């Protein structure tokens, strides 16, 4: 299992709720600061993280994302 955190910049107020609707997003919540929401991703293969990040970037109102992969 590979876990990643995707930080999302979006002025949309309900962006965290929209992120939770994406498969493989195990949790999502709004944040304060430079980014507006966090999505936690659990996938079987590393390549899937890029696919999920691309889906998130296609959501209307998402300005940018930053992905961090858990290192064990």
C-alpha atoms as a PDB file:
ATOM      1  CA  UNK A   1       0.000   0.000   0.000  1.00  0.00           C
ATOM      2  CA  UNK A   2       1.257   3.464  -0.920  1.00  0.00           C
ATOM      3  CA  UNK A   3      -0.012   6.536   0.915  1.00  0.00           C
ATOM      4  CA  UNK A   4       0.188  10.122  -0.275  1.00  0.00           C
ATOM      5  CA  UNK A   5      -1.055  13.497   0.839  1.00  0.00           C
ATOM      6  CA  UNK A   6      -2.250  15.917  -1.798  1.00  0.00           C
ATOM      7  CA  UNK A   7      -2.493  19.573  -0.820  1.00  0.00           C
ATOM      8  CA  UNK A   8      -5.099  21.480  -2.817  1.00  0.00           C
ATOM      9  CA  UNK A   9      -5.371  25.219  -3.493  1.00  0.00           C
ATOM     10  CA  UNK A  10      -8.936  26.171  -4.363  1.00  0.00           C
ATOM     11  CA  UNK A  11     -11.194  29.060  -3.375  1.00  0.00           C
ATOM     12  CA  UNK A  12     -14.209  26.694  -3.508  1.00  0.00           C
ATOM     13  CA  UNK A  13     -15.614  26.295   0.007  1.00  0.00           C
ATOM     14  CA  UNK A  14     -16.720  22.679  -0.395  1.00  0.00           C
ATOM     15  CA  UNK A  15     -13.596  21.388  -2.129  1.00  0.00           C
ATOM     16  CA  UNK A  16     -12.812  18.918   0.699  1.00  0.00           C
ATOM     17  CA  UNK A  17     -16.247  17.295   0.283  1.00  0.00           C
ATOM     18  CA  UNK A  18     -15.702  16.999  -3.477  1.00  0.00           C
ATOM     19  CA  UNK A  19     -12.319  15.371  -2.919  1.00  0.00           C
ATOM     20  CA  UNK A  20     -13.880  12.669  -0.709  1.00  0.00           C
ATOM     21  CA  UNK A  21     -15.982  11.524  -3.668  1.00  0.00           C
ATOM     22  CA  UNK A  22     -12.877  10.425  -5.600  1.00  0.00           C
ATOM     23  CA  UNK A  23     -11.993   6.731  -5.368  1.00  0.00           C
ATOM     24  CA  UNK A  24      -8.856   6.054  -3.298  1.00  0.00           C
ATOM     25  CA  UNK A  25      -9.265   9.281  -1.281  1.00  0.00           C
ATOM     26  CA  UNK A  26      -9.553   7.875   2.237  1.00  0.00           C
ATOM     27  CA  UNK A  27      -9.908  11.251   3.962  1.00  0.00           C
ATOM     28  CA  UNK A  28     -10.147  14.911   3.073  1.00  0.00           C
ATOM     29  CA  UNK A  29     -10.528  18.027   5.165  1.00  0.00           C
ATOM     30  CA  UNK A  30     -10.297  21.814   4.814  1.00  0.00           C
ATOM     31  CA  UNK A  31      -7.203  23.599   6.104  1.00  0.00           C
ATOM     32  CA  UNK A  32      -6.047  27.132   6.720  1.00  0.00           C
ATOM     33  CA  UNK A  33      -2.874  28.556   5.295  1.00  0.00           C
ATOM     34  CA  UNK A  34      -1.321  28.308   1.846  1.00  0.00           C
ATOM     35  CA  UNK A  35      -3.558  25.380   0.821  1.00  0.00           C
ATOM     36  CA  UNK A  36      -7.306  25.068   1.283  1.00  0.00           C
ATOM     37  CA  UNK A  37      -7.743  21.303   1.607  1.00  0.00           C
ATOM     38  CA  UNK A  38      -5.861  18.057   2.116  1.00  0.00           C
ATOM     39  CA  UNK A  39      -6.655  14.714   0.488  1.00  0.00           C
ATOM     40  CA  UNK A  40      -5.164  11.504   1.855  1.00  0.00           C
ATOM     41  CA  UNK A  41      -4.726   8.821  -0.794  1.00  0.00           C
ATOM     42  CA  UNK A  42      -4.164   5.078  -0.324  1.00  0.00           C
ATOM     43  CA  UNK A  43      -3.384   3.067  -3.465  1.00  0.00           C
ATOM     44  CA  UNK A  44      -1.763  -0.231  -4.366  1.00  0.00           C
ATOM     45  CA  UNK A  45       0.752   1.172  -6.868  1.00  0.00           C
ATOM     46  CA  UNK A  46       2.754   4.378  -6.955  1.00  0.00           C
ATOM     47  CA  UNK A  47       1.621   5.189 -10.522  1.00  0.00           C
ATOM     48  CA  UNK A  48      -2.001   5.476  -9.297  1.00  0.00           C
ATOM     49  CA  UNK A  49      -1.114   8.551  -7.240  1.00  0.00           C
ATOM     50  CA  UNK A  50      -0.434  10.530 -10.401  1.00  0.00           C
ATOM     51  CA  UNK A  51      -3.804   9.430 -11.821  1.00  0.00           C
ATOM     52  CA  UNK A  52      -5.629  10.626  -8.685  1.00  0.00           C
ATOM     53  CA  UNK A  53      -3.685  13.915  -8.660  1.00  0.00           C
ATOM     54  CA  UNK A  54      -4.677  14.484 -12.294  1.00  0.00           C
ATOM     55  CA  UNK A  55      -8.346  13.873 -11.434  1.00  0.00           C
ATOM     56  CA  UNK A  56      -8.122  16.392  -8.607  1.00  0.00           C
ATOM     57  CA  UNK A  57      -6.487  18.982 -10.867  1.00  0.00           C
ATOM     58  CA  UNK A  58      -9.414  18.663 -13.298  1.00  0.00           C
ATOM     59  CA  UNK A  59     -11.970  19.687 -10.652  1.00  0.00           C
ATOM     60  CA  UNK A  60     -13.338  23.123 -11.482  1.00  0.00           C
ATOM     61  CA  UNK A  61     -11.813  25.721  -9.188  1.00  0.00           C
ATOM     62  CA  UNK A  62      -8.642  23.809  -8.302  1.00  0.00           C
ATOM     63  CA  UNK A  63      -5.758  26.202  -8.868  1.00  0.00           C
ATOM     64  CA  UNK A  64      -2.858  23.922  -7.962  1.00  0.00           C
ATOM     65  CA  UNK A  65      -1.866  20.827  -6.030  1.00  0.00           C
ATOM     66  CA  UNK A  66       1.213  19.545  -4.276  1.00  0.00           C
ATOM     67  CA  UNK A  67       1.745  15.847  -3.644  1.00  0.00           C
ATOM     68  CA  UNK A  68       3.786  14.284  -0.858  1.00  0.00           C
ATOM     69  CA  UNK A  69       4.368  10.535  -0.770  1.00  0.00           C
ATOM     70  CA  UNK A  70       4.846   8.704   2.522  1.00  0.00           C
ATOM     71  CA  UNK A  71       8.352   7.277   2.867  1.00  0.00           C
ATOM     72  CA  UNK A  72       8.830   4.188   4.999  1.00  0.00           C
END
